[in-house]
Structures are given as structure tokens and as C-alpha cells.
N, C-alpha and C. Protein backbone atom coordinates (compact mmCIF):
# COMPACT_ATOMS: atom_id res chain seq x y z
N UNK A 1 -29.15 138.01 216.37
CA UNK A 1 -29.38 137.36 214.84
C UNK A 1 -30.04 138.16 213.85
N UNK A 2 -31.07 139.23 214.22
CA UNK A 2 -31.93 140.09 213.29
C UNK A 2 -30.57 140.74 212.73
N UNK A 3 -29.56 141.20 213.56
CA UNK A 3 -28.72 142.21 213.04
C UNK A 3 -27.59 141.77 212.13
N UNK A 4 -27.19 140.34 212.21
CA UNK A 4 -26.68 139.59 211.28
C UNK A 4 -27.43 139.27 210.17
N UNK A 5 -28.73 139.00 210.00
CA UNK A 5 -29.57 138.82 208.95
C UNK A 5 -29.66 140.19 208.24
N UNK A 6 -29.97 141.12 208.38
CA UNK A 6 -29.81 142.39 208.00
C UNK A 6 -28.48 142.94 207.23
N UNK A 7 -27.25 142.28 207.76
CA UNK A 7 -26.04 142.74 207.21
C UNK A 7 -25.92 141.96 206.13
N UNK A 8 -26.30 140.36 206.41
CA UNK A 8 -26.20 139.59 205.30
C UNK A 8 -27.06 140.19 203.91
N UNK A 9 -28.33 140.52 204.23
CA UNK A 9 -28.90 140.93 203.20
C UNK A 9 -28.55 142.22 202.49
N UNK A 10 -27.86 143.16 203.16
CA UNK A 10 -27.43 144.36 202.88
C UNK A 10 -26.14 143.93 201.76
N UNK A 11 -25.41 143.02 202.28
CA UNK A 11 -24.29 142.59 201.43
C UNK A 11 -24.66 142.02 200.02
N UNK A 12 -25.84 141.30 200.02
CA UNK A 12 -26.18 140.68 198.89
C UNK A 12 -26.92 141.79 198.11
N UNK A 13 -27.31 142.77 198.54
CA UNK A 13 -27.93 143.77 197.66
C UNK A 13 -27.04 144.47 197.00
N UNK A 14 -25.90 145.05 198.09
CA UNK A 14 -24.76 145.70 197.30
C UNK A 14 -23.93 144.87 196.20
N UNK A 15 -23.72 143.86 196.41
CA UNK A 15 -23.30 143.07 195.41
C UNK A 15 -23.84 142.94 194.16
N UNK A 16 -25.39 142.53 194.18
CA UNK A 16 -26.10 142.55 193.11
C UNK A 16 -26.07 144.17 192.58
N UNK A 17 -26.10 145.04 193.14
CA UNK A 17 -25.77 146.49 192.55
C UNK A 17 -24.90 146.64 191.97
N UNK A 18 -23.33 146.39 192.46
CA UNK A 18 -22.09 146.39 191.70
C UNK A 18 -22.39 145.53 190.50
N UNK A 19 -22.96 144.23 190.42
CA UNK A 19 -22.74 143.43 189.21
C UNK A 19 -23.65 144.08 188.16
N UNK A 20 -24.60 144.76 188.54
CA UNK A 20 -25.45 145.43 187.50
C UNK A 20 -24.77 146.80 187.20
N UNK A 21 -24.03 147.37 187.76
CA UNK A 21 -23.56 148.45 187.26
C UNK A 21 -22.35 148.57 186.51
N UNK A 22 -21.20 147.30 186.62
CA UNK A 22 -20.40 147.09 185.70
C UNK A 22 -20.73 146.38 184.51
N UNK A 23 -21.97 145.87 184.70
CA UNK A 23 -22.79 145.14 183.27
C UNK A 23 -22.46 143.49 183.50
N UNK A 24 -21.65 143.05 184.27
CA UNK A 24 -21.33 141.58 184.41
C UNK A 24 -22.36 140.76 184.79
N UNK A 25 -22.76 139.89 184.12
CA UNK A 25 -24.04 138.81 184.40
C UNK A 25 -23.58 137.34 184.25
N UNK A 26 -23.46 136.67 185.61
CA UNK A 26 -23.02 135.34 185.56
C UNK A 26 -23.87 134.32 184.81
N UNK A 27 -23.34 133.30 183.83
CA UNK A 27 -23.77 132.25 183.10
C UNK A 27 -24.11 130.95 183.97
N UNK A 28 -23.25 130.81 184.67
CA UNK A 28 -23.02 129.72 185.85
C UNK A 28 -23.29 129.72 187.13
N UNK A 29 -24.24 129.26 187.89
CA UNK A 29 -24.45 129.43 189.13
C UNK A 29 -23.67 128.77 189.98
N UNK A 30 -22.72 127.61 189.85
CA UNK A 30 -21.92 127.05 190.47
C UNK A 30 -22.52 125.87 191.44
N UNK A 31 -23.47 125.65 190.92
CA UNK A 31 -24.35 124.53 191.75
C UNK A 31 -24.98 123.44 190.54
N UNK A 32 -25.56 123.83 189.22
CA UNK A 32 -26.09 123.08 188.35
C UNK A 32 -25.80 123.68 187.07
N UNK A 33 -26.45 122.87 186.25
CA UNK A 33 -26.00 123.11 184.59
C UNK A 33 -27.23 123.91 184.25
N UNK A 34 -28.08 124.59 185.18
CA UNK A 34 -29.36 125.37 184.47
C UNK A 34 -29.00 126.40 183.92
N UNK A 35 -29.61 126.69 182.71
CA UNK A 35 -29.13 127.41 181.66
C UNK A 35 -28.51 126.87 180.51
N UNK A 36 -27.90 125.78 180.39
CA UNK A 36 -26.92 125.01 179.71
C UNK A 36 -27.99 123.65 179.33
N UNK A 37 -27.37 123.28 177.89
CA UNK A 37 -27.75 122.30 177.45
C UNK A 37 -26.91 121.31 176.73
N UNK A 38 -26.77 120.18 176.98
CA UNK A 38 -25.78 118.91 176.47
C UNK A 38 -26.46 118.41 174.93
N UNK A 39 -25.52 118.47 174.36
CA UNK A 39 -25.97 117.43 173.01
C UNK A 39 -25.79 115.99 173.20
N UNK A 40 -24.84 115.23 172.39
CA UNK A 40 -24.70 114.08 172.36
C UNK A 40 -24.56 113.32 173.66
N UNK A 41 -23.69 113.65 174.49
CA UNK A 41 -23.28 112.79 175.66
C UNK A 41 -23.55 113.85 176.94
N UNK A 42 -24.73 114.00 177.38
CA UNK A 42 -25.09 114.77 178.57
C UNK A 42 -24.20 114.39 179.74
N UNK A 43 -23.81 113.04 179.96
CA UNK A 43 -23.23 112.85 181.48
C UNK A 43 -21.87 113.07 181.21
N UNK A 44 -21.11 113.46 180.09
CA UNK A 44 -19.68 114.30 179.97
C UNK A 44 -19.82 115.34 180.99
N UNK A 45 -20.79 116.16 181.13
CA UNK A 45 -20.82 117.59 182.03
C UNK A 45 -21.32 117.14 183.17
N UNK A 46 -20.80 117.85 184.40
CA UNK A 46 -21.19 117.96 185.78
C UNK A 46 -20.85 118.97 186.61
N UNK A 47 -21.32 119.08 187.70
CA UNK A 47 -20.98 120.25 188.58
C UNK A 47 -20.63 119.91 189.79
N UNK A 48 -19.08 119.89 190.37
CA UNK A 48 -18.79 119.83 191.73
C UNK A 48 -17.95 120.95 192.48
N UNK A 49 -18.27 121.12 193.83
CA UNK A 49 -17.64 121.92 194.32
C UNK A 49 -17.59 123.59 193.40
N UNK A 50 -18.54 123.92 192.95
CA UNK A 50 -18.65 125.12 192.37
C UNK A 50 -17.73 125.14 190.99
N UNK A 51 -17.43 124.05 190.57
CA UNK A 51 -16.58 124.06 189.13
C UNK A 51 -17.44 123.18 188.29
N UNK A 52 -17.45 123.56 187.01
CA UNK A 52 -18.37 122.92 185.69
C UNK A 52 -16.99 121.85 185.27
N UNK A 53 -17.30 120.61 185.46
CA UNK A 53 -16.31 119.52 184.87
C UNK A 53 -16.78 118.98 183.60
N UNK A 54 -15.81 118.88 182.64
CA UNK A 54 -15.95 118.35 181.21
C UNK A 54 -15.08 116.94 181.40
N UNK A 55 -15.58 116.07 181.18
CA UNK A 55 -14.68 114.87 181.13
C UNK A 55 -15.64 113.57 180.70
N UNK A 56 -15.47 113.44 179.38
CA UNK A 56 -16.32 112.08 178.90
C UNK A 56 -16.40 112.23 177.25
N UNK A 57 -17.16 111.72 176.64
CA UNK A 57 -17.04 111.24 175.41
C UNK A 57 -17.28 112.62 174.56
N UNK A 58 -17.32 112.83 173.40
CA UNK A 58 -17.43 113.95 172.65
C UNK A 58 -19.18 114.46 172.78
N UNK A 59 -18.91 115.72 173.28
CA UNK A 59 -20.16 116.50 173.35
C UNK A 59 -19.88 117.98 173.48
N UNK A 60 -21.03 118.68 173.33
CA UNK A 60 -21.15 120.15 173.58
C UNK A 60 -22.19 120.93 174.51
N UNK A 61 -21.74 121.68 175.43
CA UNK A 61 -22.69 122.24 176.10
C UNK A 61 -22.97 123.68 175.80
N UNK A 62 -23.97 123.90 175.50
CA UNK A 62 -24.63 125.17 174.64
C UNK A 62 -25.56 125.91 175.97
N UNK A 63 -25.12 127.13 175.74
CA UNK A 63 -26.06 128.36 176.77
C UNK A 63 -27.31 128.49 176.28
N UNK A 64 -28.45 128.20 177.12
CA UNK A 64 -29.66 128.46 176.37
C UNK A 64 -30.40 129.12 177.41
N UNK A 65 -29.87 129.77 178.41
CA UNK A 65 -30.37 130.27 179.29
C UNK A 65 -31.08 131.82 179.07
N UNK A 66 -31.71 132.34 180.02
CA UNK A 66 -32.24 133.70 179.64
C UNK A 66 -31.38 134.88 179.61
N UNK A 67 -30.02 134.98 179.98
CA UNK A 67 -29.21 136.09 179.74
C UNK A 67 -29.14 136.45 178.42
N UNK A 68 -29.83 137.90 177.80
CA UNK A 68 -29.88 138.20 176.53
C UNK A 68 -30.62 137.29 175.42
N UNK A 69 -31.53 136.60 176.17
CA UNK A 69 -32.20 135.87 175.22
C UNK A 69 -31.22 134.56 174.77
N UNK A 70 -30.12 134.40 175.45
CA UNK A 70 -29.35 133.40 174.82
C UNK A 70 -28.89 133.69 173.59
N UNK A 71 -28.72 134.87 173.04
CA UNK A 71 -28.05 135.14 171.89
C UNK A 71 -27.03 136.52 172.08
N UNK A 72 -26.16 136.50 171.49
CA UNK A 72 -25.08 137.55 171.82
C UNK A 72 -24.31 137.82 170.35
N UNK A 73 -23.83 138.92 170.54
CA UNK A 73 -23.35 139.61 169.05
C UNK A 73 -22.02 140.58 169.56
N UNK A 74 -22.20 141.51 170.07
CA UNK A 74 -20.96 142.43 170.75
C UNK A 74 -21.07 141.96 172.36
N UNK A 75 -19.71 141.45 172.63
CA UNK A 75 -19.99 141.17 174.16
C UNK A 75 -18.64 140.93 174.91
N UNK A 76 -18.19 140.57 176.11
CA UNK A 76 -17.18 140.24 176.47
C UNK A 76 -17.38 138.98 177.68
N UNK A 77 -16.67 138.05 177.23
CA UNK A 77 -16.99 136.89 178.09
C UNK A 77 -15.75 136.76 178.70
N UNK A 78 -15.95 136.14 180.19
CA UNK A 78 -14.89 135.98 181.09
C UNK A 78 -15.09 134.74 181.73
N UNK A 79 -13.97 133.86 181.88
CA UNK A 79 -13.99 132.58 182.43
C UNK A 79 -12.90 132.08 182.90
N UNK A 80 -12.77 131.36 183.62
CA UNK A 80 -11.52 130.51 184.63
C UNK A 80 -11.52 129.03 184.02
N UNK A 81 -10.47 128.58 183.63
CA UNK A 81 -10.04 127.30 183.24
C UNK A 81 -9.20 126.65 183.58
N UNK A 82 -9.18 125.39 184.09
CA UNK A 82 -8.07 124.26 184.27
C UNK A 82 -7.99 123.30 183.54
N UNK A 83 -6.94 123.06 182.71
CA UNK A 83 -7.00 121.78 182.05
C UNK A 83 -5.71 120.80 182.98
N UNK A 84 -5.97 119.68 182.34
CA UNK A 84 -5.02 118.43 182.89
C UNK A 84 -4.47 117.71 181.78
N UNK A 85 -3.59 117.12 181.92
CA UNK A 85 -2.83 116.39 180.90
C UNK A 85 -3.71 115.50 179.83
N UNK A 86 -3.38 115.78 178.53
CA UNK A 86 -4.30 115.29 177.53
C UNK A 86 -5.49 116.12 177.37
N UNK A 87 -5.60 117.36 177.99
CA UNK A 87 -6.99 117.93 177.75
C UNK A 87 -6.76 118.71 176.45
N UNK A 88 -8.24 118.57 175.83
CA UNK A 88 -8.43 119.28 174.75
C UNK A 88 -9.84 119.78 174.55
N UNK A 89 -10.06 120.97 175.03
CA UNK A 89 -11.42 121.54 174.62
C UNK A 89 -11.19 122.91 173.95
N UNK A 90 -12.84 123.81 173.92
CA UNK A 90 -12.88 124.90 173.42
C UNK A 90 -14.12 125.38 173.98
N UNK A 91 -14.02 126.86 173.52
CA UNK A 91 -15.02 127.76 173.96
C UNK A 91 -15.34 128.33 172.67
N UNK A 92 -16.89 128.10 172.43
CA UNK A 92 -17.36 128.65 171.06
C UNK A 92 -18.20 129.66 171.45
N UNK A 93 -18.05 130.61 170.36
CA UNK A 93 -18.83 131.65 170.27
C UNK A 93 -19.57 131.98 168.93
N UNK A 94 -20.71 132.77 168.99
CA UNK A 94 -21.62 132.96 167.93
C UNK A 94 -21.95 131.50 167.37
N UNK A 95 -22.24 130.63 168.10
CA UNK A 95 -22.50 129.27 167.69
C UNK A 95 -24.17 129.15 167.77
N UNK A 96 -24.65 127.84 167.60
CA UNK A 96 -26.20 127.57 167.87
C UNK A 96 -26.29 126.03 168.28
N UNK A 97 -27.34 125.89 168.94
CA UNK A 97 -27.26 124.47 169.45
C UNK A 97 -27.60 123.48 168.18
N UNK A 98 -26.78 122.16 168.34
CA UNK A 98 -27.08 121.19 167.20
C UNK A 98 -27.02 120.03 167.90
N UNK A 99 -27.77 118.98 167.38
CA UNK A 99 -27.84 117.66 168.24
C UNK A 99 -26.25 116.82 168.35
N UNK A 100 -25.74 116.78 167.22
CA UNK A 100 -24.53 115.95 167.18
C UNK A 100 -23.62 116.73 166.04
N UNK A 101 -22.29 116.12 166.27
CA UNK A 101 -21.18 116.63 165.87
C UNK A 101 -20.35 117.94 166.25
N UNK A 102 -19.27 118.45 165.67
CA UNK A 102 -18.26 119.58 165.93
C UNK A 102 -19.30 121.03 165.26
N UNK A 103 -19.45 121.82 166.21
CA UNK A 103 -20.28 122.92 165.76
C UNK A 103 -20.03 123.49 164.49
N UNK A 104 -21.24 123.63 163.77
CA UNK A 104 -21.19 124.25 162.50
C UNK A 104 -20.71 125.71 162.44
N UNK A 105 -21.18 126.39 163.45
CA UNK A 105 -21.35 127.94 163.25
C UNK A 105 -20.50 128.55 164.16
N UNK A 106 -20.08 129.80 164.28
CA UNK A 106 -19.27 130.28 165.27
C UNK A 106 -17.89 129.82 165.18
N UNK A 107 -17.03 130.82 165.85
CA UNK A 107 -15.62 130.60 166.05
C UNK A 107 -15.39 129.57 167.46
N UNK A 108 -14.15 129.11 167.39
CA UNK A 108 -13.54 128.36 168.63
C UNK A 108 -12.37 129.04 169.14
N UNK A 109 -12.34 129.27 170.28
CA UNK A 109 -11.30 129.79 171.27
C UNK A 109 -10.82 128.43 171.90
N UNK A 110 -9.75 128.29 171.46
CA UNK A 110 -8.99 126.70 171.83
C UNK A 110 -8.90 126.87 173.25
N UNK A 111 -8.96 125.30 173.76
CA UNK A 111 -8.15 125.10 175.24
C UNK A 111 -7.61 123.88 175.15
N UNK A 112 -6.47 124.20 175.14
CA UNK A 112 -5.04 123.01 175.09
C UNK A 112 -3.81 123.69 175.44
N UNK A 113 -3.37 123.12 176.57
CA UNK A 113 -2.10 123.51 177.09
C UNK A 113 -1.04 122.37 176.60
N UNK A 114 -1.09 121.28 176.68
CA UNK A 114 0.11 120.45 176.44
C UNK A 114 -0.48 119.22 175.55
N UNK A 115 -1.62 119.02 175.22
CA UNK A 115 -2.35 117.93 174.25
C UNK A 115 -1.45 118.21 172.96
N UNK A 116 -1.59 116.86 172.10
CA UNK A 116 -0.67 117.08 171.07
C UNK A 116 -1.17 117.96 169.85
N UNK A 117 -2.32 118.63 169.60
CA UNK A 117 -2.99 119.66 168.69
C UNK A 117 -1.97 120.67 168.90
N UNK A 118 -1.08 121.22 167.76
CA UNK A 118 -0.36 122.56 167.82
C UNK A 118 -1.12 123.74 168.25
N UNK A 119 -2.59 123.62 167.78
CA UNK A 119 -2.98 125.08 168.16
C UNK A 119 -3.57 124.97 169.92
N UNK A 120 -2.65 125.82 170.47
CA UNK A 120 -2.81 125.93 171.95
C UNK A 120 -4.02 126.98 172.44
N UNK A 121 -4.00 127.00 173.93
CA UNK A 121 -4.88 128.25 174.27
C UNK A 121 -4.65 129.44 174.25
N UNK A 122 -5.68 130.17 173.91
CA UNK A 122 -5.46 131.67 173.50
C UNK A 122 -5.45 131.74 171.73
N UNK A 123 -5.59 130.43 171.11
CA UNK A 123 -6.11 130.29 169.81
C UNK A 123 -7.18 130.71 169.27
N UNK A 124 -7.59 131.32 168.16
CA UNK A 124 -9.06 131.39 167.54
C UNK A 124 -8.78 130.32 166.49
N UNK A 125 -9.19 129.23 166.70
CA UNK A 125 -9.06 127.90 166.19
C UNK A 125 -8.80 128.08 164.40
N UNK A 126 -8.22 127.79 163.77
CA UNK A 126 -7.97 127.79 162.46
C UNK A 126 -7.76 129.21 162.02
N UNK A 127 -7.86 130.28 162.76
CA UNK A 127 -7.86 131.45 162.00
C UNK A 127 -6.79 132.22 162.57
N UNK A 128 -6.13 132.30 164.05
CA UNK A 128 -5.02 132.86 164.55
C UNK A 128 -4.73 131.53 165.37
N UNK A 129 -3.64 130.81 165.24
CA UNK A 129 -3.01 130.07 166.20
C UNK A 129 -2.04 130.12 166.85
N UNK A 130 -1.86 129.97 168.13
CA UNK A 130 -0.89 130.32 168.87
C UNK A 130 -0.37 128.98 169.39
N UNK A 131 0.94 128.74 169.21
CA UNK A 131 1.63 127.71 169.53
C UNK A 131 2.02 127.31 170.94
N UNK A 132 2.41 128.28 171.56
CA UNK A 132 2.77 128.04 173.33
C UNK A 132 2.22 129.61 173.80
N UNK A 133 1.44 129.36 174.84
CA UNK A 133 0.51 130.59 175.68
C UNK A 133 1.48 130.58 176.87
N UNK A 134 2.50 129.61 177.01
CA UNK A 134 3.27 129.92 178.28
C UNK A 134 2.24 129.20 179.55
N UNK A 135 1.42 128.34 179.57
CA UNK A 135 0.57 128.02 180.59
C UNK A 135 1.28 126.47 181.22
N UNK A 136 0.69 125.87 181.96
CA UNK A 136 1.00 124.58 182.54
C UNK A 136 -0.59 124.14 183.06
N UNK A 137 -0.69 122.71 182.78
CA UNK A 137 -1.68 122.03 183.23
C UNK A 137 -1.83 121.89 184.89
N UNK A 138 -2.97 121.60 185.12
CA UNK A 138 -3.26 121.62 186.55
C UNK A 138 -3.36 123.01 187.57
N UNK A 139 -3.19 124.14 186.43
CA UNK A 139 -3.57 125.41 187.19
C UNK A 139 -4.35 126.43 186.46
N UNK A 140 -5.02 127.00 187.27
CA UNK A 140 -6.11 127.87 186.97
C UNK A 140 -5.48 129.14 186.12
N UNK A 141 -6.13 129.49 184.78
CA UNK A 141 -5.86 130.48 184.20
C UNK A 141 -7.13 131.06 183.38
N UNK A 142 -6.85 132.74 183.43
CA UNK A 142 -8.35 133.32 182.99
C UNK A 142 -8.28 133.65 181.53
N UNK A 143 -9.23 133.24 180.79
CA UNK A 143 -9.51 133.61 179.28
C UNK A 143 -10.74 134.76 179.46
N UNK A 144 -10.23 135.50 178.68
CA UNK A 144 -11.21 136.92 178.05
C UNK A 144 -11.31 136.87 176.84
N UNK A 145 -12.69 136.71 176.35
CA UNK A 145 -13.22 137.03 174.77
C UNK A 145 -13.85 138.07 174.67
N UNK A 146 -13.49 139.07 173.88
CA UNK A 146 -14.14 140.47 173.54
C UNK A 146 -14.49 140.55 171.77
N UNK A 147 -15.84 140.54 171.72
CA UNK A 147 -16.24 140.80 170.58
C UNK A 147 -16.97 141.96 170.28
N UNK A 148 -16.58 142.94 169.07
CA UNK A 148 -17.12 144.14 168.96
C UNK A 148 -17.34 144.39 167.28
N UNK A 149 -18.21 143.98 166.71
CA UNK A 149 -18.40 143.86 165.11
C UNK A 149 -17.73 142.93 164.85
N UNK A 150 -16.78 142.96 163.77
CA UNK A 150 -15.84 142.10 163.34
C UNK A 150 -14.56 142.09 163.73
N UNK A 151 -14.40 142.57 165.05
CA UNK A 151 -13.13 142.61 165.90
C UNK A 151 -13.36 141.65 166.96
N UNK A 152 -12.33 140.62 167.05
CA UNK A 152 -12.00 139.91 168.36
C UNK A 152 -10.76 139.89 168.84
N UNK A 153 -10.61 140.15 170.31
CA UNK A 153 -9.49 140.04 170.90
C UNK A 153 -9.95 139.18 172.08
N UNK A 154 -8.77 138.09 172.35
CA UNK A 154 -8.62 137.24 173.19
C UNK A 154 -7.33 137.40 174.13
N UNK A 155 -7.60 136.99 175.56
CA UNK A 155 -6.68 137.28 176.54
C UNK A 155 -6.65 136.47 177.21
N UNK A 156 -5.32 135.92 177.51
CA UNK A 156 -4.96 134.84 178.62
C UNK A 156 -4.41 135.50 179.75
N UNK A 157 -4.79 135.62 180.85
CA UNK A 157 -4.38 135.98 181.96
C UNK A 157 -3.92 137.45 181.72
N UNK A 158 -4.91 138.36 181.15
CA UNK A 158 -4.78 139.54 180.75
C UNK A 158 -3.90 139.81 179.69
N UNK A 159 -3.11 138.95 178.97
CA UNK A 159 -2.14 139.11 178.01
C UNK A 159 -2.82 138.87 176.75
N UNK A 160 -2.63 139.64 175.57
CA UNK A 160 -3.46 139.45 174.51
C UNK A 160 -2.70 138.66 173.55
N UNK A 161 -3.52 137.44 173.05
CA UNK A 161 -3.14 136.42 172.21
C UNK A 161 -3.41 136.59 170.81
N UNK A 162 -4.68 137.14 170.66
CA UNK A 162 -5.42 137.29 169.51
C UNK A 162 -6.26 138.66 169.57
N UNK A 163 -5.70 139.42 168.21
CA UNK A 163 -6.30 140.63 167.76
C UNK A 163 -6.73 140.74 166.45
N UNK A 164 -7.81 140.29 166.24
CA UNK A 164 -8.07 139.99 164.98
C UNK A 164 -9.27 140.71 164.19
N UNK A 165 -9.39 140.97 163.20
CA UNK A 165 -10.41 141.86 162.50
C UNK A 165 -10.72 141.05 161.50
N UNK A 166 -11.91 140.43 161.16
CA UNK A 166 -12.39 139.33 160.26
C UNK A 166 -12.70 140.37 159.10
N UNK A 167 -12.09 140.15 157.88
CA UNK A 167 -12.21 140.73 156.54
C UNK A 167 -13.92 140.65 156.47
N UNK A 168 -14.46 141.69 155.85
CA UNK A 168 -15.66 142.12 155.43
C UNK A 168 -16.24 140.96 154.29
N UNK A 169 -17.03 140.23 154.16
CA UNK A 169 -17.50 139.25 153.11
C UNK A 169 -16.77 137.91 153.24
N UNK A 170 -15.97 137.60 154.36
CA UNK A 170 -15.06 136.65 154.43
C UNK A 170 -16.06 135.34 154.06
N UNK A 171 -15.56 134.54 153.29
CA UNK A 171 -16.57 133.40 153.02
C UNK A 171 -16.30 132.16 154.04
N UNK A 172 -17.16 131.36 154.11
CA UNK A 172 -17.12 130.05 154.97
C UNK A 172 -15.86 129.23 154.72
N UNK A 173 -15.01 128.89 156.28
CA UNK A 173 -14.14 128.24 156.03
C UNK A 173 -14.18 126.69 155.31
N UNK A 174 -15.33 126.29 155.22
CA UNK A 174 -15.43 124.87 154.59
C UNK A 174 -16.95 124.71 154.32
N UNK A 175 -17.37 123.84 153.47
CA UNK A 175 -19.00 123.36 153.71
C UNK A 175 -19.14 123.05 154.80
N UNK A 176 -18.59 122.52 155.44
CA UNK A 176 -18.79 121.86 156.83
C UNK A 176 -18.93 123.02 158.14
N UNK A 177 -18.06 123.88 158.09
CA UNK A 177 -17.68 124.93 158.94
C UNK A 177 -17.87 126.43 158.58
N UNK A 178 -18.61 127.22 159.27
CA UNK A 178 -18.59 128.51 158.87
C UNK A 178 -17.22 129.19 159.42
N UNK A 179 -16.80 129.01 160.70
CA UNK A 179 -15.85 129.71 161.29
C UNK A 179 -16.17 131.37 160.94
N UNK A 180 -17.19 131.80 161.29
CA UNK A 180 -17.09 133.52 160.78
C UNK A 180 -18.14 134.12 161.97
N UNK A 181 -17.60 135.13 162.39
CA UNK A 181 -18.43 136.14 163.32
C UNK A 181 -19.77 136.38 162.82
N UNK A 182 -20.79 136.38 163.44
CA UNK A 182 -22.11 136.58 163.60
C UNK A 182 -22.93 137.19 164.54
N UNK A 183 -23.86 136.08 165.17
CA UNK A 183 -24.36 136.21 166.49
C UNK A 183 -24.90 134.95 166.75
N UNK A 184 -24.95 134.56 168.04
CA UNK A 184 -25.47 133.49 168.75
C UNK A 184 -24.79 133.07 170.23
N UNK A 185 -24.81 131.96 170.46
CA UNK A 185 -24.67 131.78 171.77
C UNK A 185 -23.37 131.18 172.04
N UNK A 186 -22.83 130.56 173.27
CA UNK A 186 -21.56 130.08 173.78
C UNK A 186 -22.13 128.35 173.87
N UNK A 187 -20.82 127.71 173.71
CA UNK A 187 -20.83 126.49 173.86
C UNK A 187 -19.37 126.12 174.60
N UNK A 188 -19.13 125.01 175.40
CA UNK A 188 -18.08 124.57 175.97
C UNK A 188 -17.82 123.12 175.26
N UNK A 189 -16.80 122.61 174.80
CA UNK A 189 -16.60 121.56 173.92
C UNK A 189 -15.53 120.38 175.03
N UNK A 190 -16.30 119.18 174.92
CA UNK A 190 -15.64 117.87 175.17
C UNK A 190 -15.08 117.09 174.06
N UNK A 191 -13.73 117.10 173.79
CA UNK A 191 -13.32 116.91 172.54
C UNK A 191 -13.30 115.10 172.62
N UNK A 192 -12.90 114.62 173.49
CA UNK A 192 -12.69 112.98 173.65
C UNK A 192 -12.63 112.56 175.09
N UNK A 193 -12.93 111.34 175.09
CA UNK A 193 -12.60 110.69 176.56
C UNK A 193 -11.46 111.02 177.36
N UNK A 194 -10.34 111.29 176.94
CA UNK A 194 -9.25 111.39 177.32
C UNK A 194 -9.10 112.68 178.06
N UNK A 195 -9.90 113.48 177.61
CA UNK A 195 -9.70 115.15 178.00
C UNK A 195 -10.58 115.36 179.27
N UNK A 196 -9.80 116.13 180.30
CA UNK A 196 -10.61 116.75 181.27
C UNK A 196 -10.32 117.99 181.45
N UNK A 197 -11.34 119.02 181.61
CA UNK A 197 -11.29 120.28 181.80
C UNK A 197 -12.09 120.93 182.97
N UNK A 198 -11.58 121.74 183.59
CA UNK A 198 -12.62 122.60 184.64
C UNK A 198 -13.05 123.91 184.39
N UNK A 199 -14.01 124.27 184.49
CA UNK A 199 -14.46 125.86 184.01
C UNK A 199 -14.81 126.50 185.39
N UNK A 200 -14.99 127.57 185.54
CA UNK A 200 -15.57 128.27 186.78
C UNK A 200 -15.66 130.00 186.10
N UNK A 201 -16.28 130.41 187.31
CA UNK A 201 -16.52 131.92 186.82
C UNK A 201 -17.03 132.31 185.51
N UNK A 202 -17.87 131.59 184.91
CA UNK A 202 -18.18 132.08 183.73
C UNK A 202 -19.47 133.28 183.60
N UNK A 203 -19.05 134.49 183.01
CA UNK A 203 -19.60 135.59 183.17
C UNK A 203 -19.82 136.12 181.68
N UNK A 204 -20.63 137.20 181.61
CA UNK A 204 -20.82 137.68 180.02
C UNK A 204 -20.99 139.35 180.69
N UNK A 205 -20.62 140.24 179.71
CA UNK A 205 -20.91 141.67 179.77
C UNK A 205 -21.37 142.05 178.33
N UNK A 206 -22.75 142.20 177.88
CA UNK A 206 -22.72 142.82 176.55
C UNK A 206 -22.49 144.10 176.36
N UNK A 207 -22.06 144.43 175.09
CA UNK A 207 -21.47 145.73 174.77
C UNK A 207 -22.38 146.41 173.54
N UNK A 208 -22.46 147.27 173.34
CA UNK A 208 -23.19 148.03 172.50
C UNK A 208 -22.76 147.82 171.02
């Protein structure tokens, strides 16, 4: 038994060292919503079997945890996503917590495989829109979002869908929405009650 405990402890230490070495830090513990804060409809978000389930009325789940003080400028975000029919969601970057409504600040990386909105997964919503990412509902896919300065790259299953450099001095999209790079936290979107999306393996790596 002692030998087994020693082996397990050593494995945990080695795993932690590897995570620290490559810079990746988990944002989701797979057991709870610790470090995250929902706004309008908290019951829309729950955790089951190591997966973050988004199903219910419109709401947004903001990262408010301790990693980097909950504020990111240059980073790489990686996560796995599974959509179901009628799913429409999004991953916001450079945003900030707000009590109600669609997030005013930051940019949205679209999550939508077959829902009627023509802007599909892999899009930088309203900036660079992708009509067909070659995905299917009910299947996990990997999303990577990398931001350095005004340059953003989005990958779906390691294939680049967006390679965009924001013009210097770009004006706000509208009085209601900035849709500009800056800095801030992340948020996951629940678009409407008909939408169901699963997330897992949310992790971030800070870039200089």
C-alpha cells in the first residue's frame, strides 16, 4: 500500500511539473463551477461527468478565478466542445462580467455547427465569419484561440479558420458592442433554451 501511495504521489508531482513546464493551466476542475460566475440564469450551467453543460435560458458564465487574476491579454486558450442539434453558443475573450445582456466587451468565437445562424464554429463573430467548418453535432472537437497583441488565430481541430490582425485604432462595432481586442476574461454563452453545448478541458497558457 505504501509503495502504491508513493507511486501515485510521484505521478501527481510529475504531472504538475509537466503542466508548469509547458505553461498550461486548467480553468475548469471537472467537478464544479469554481472560478466561474453566471449572470442572468445560473441554473443554465452545471457539471456532470467532468463536462460543463450549457443548457437553458440566455446566460453567460464568466471566468472570475485566480489564474492570472482573471485577466488575460496575450494568451492561448484551448478547449473541447460538443454541440447538439439547434446549439448556438460562443466563447468570449477580452470581456468582463456584466449582470445582464449580451457581453458588450471583447470578441466572440462562435460555437454553432448546424443551427440556423450562418456564422459557424471557427468564426470570429461579426469580424471573420466561417460558413462551414466541416464539423458534425454530437461529436467533440477542439478549439484553440491564440491572441498576441492585435493578432488573433482560431483553430478548429488544429486547422486555422481565422488569422486576423485588428487594424490599429479600430472603432467600436456599434454603441452596444465594442468587438475589439484589449484585455479581460473569458465567458461561455448560453444563447437560448433550445441550445445544448458541452465543454471540457478548458485550459490557458499566458503569452508574453
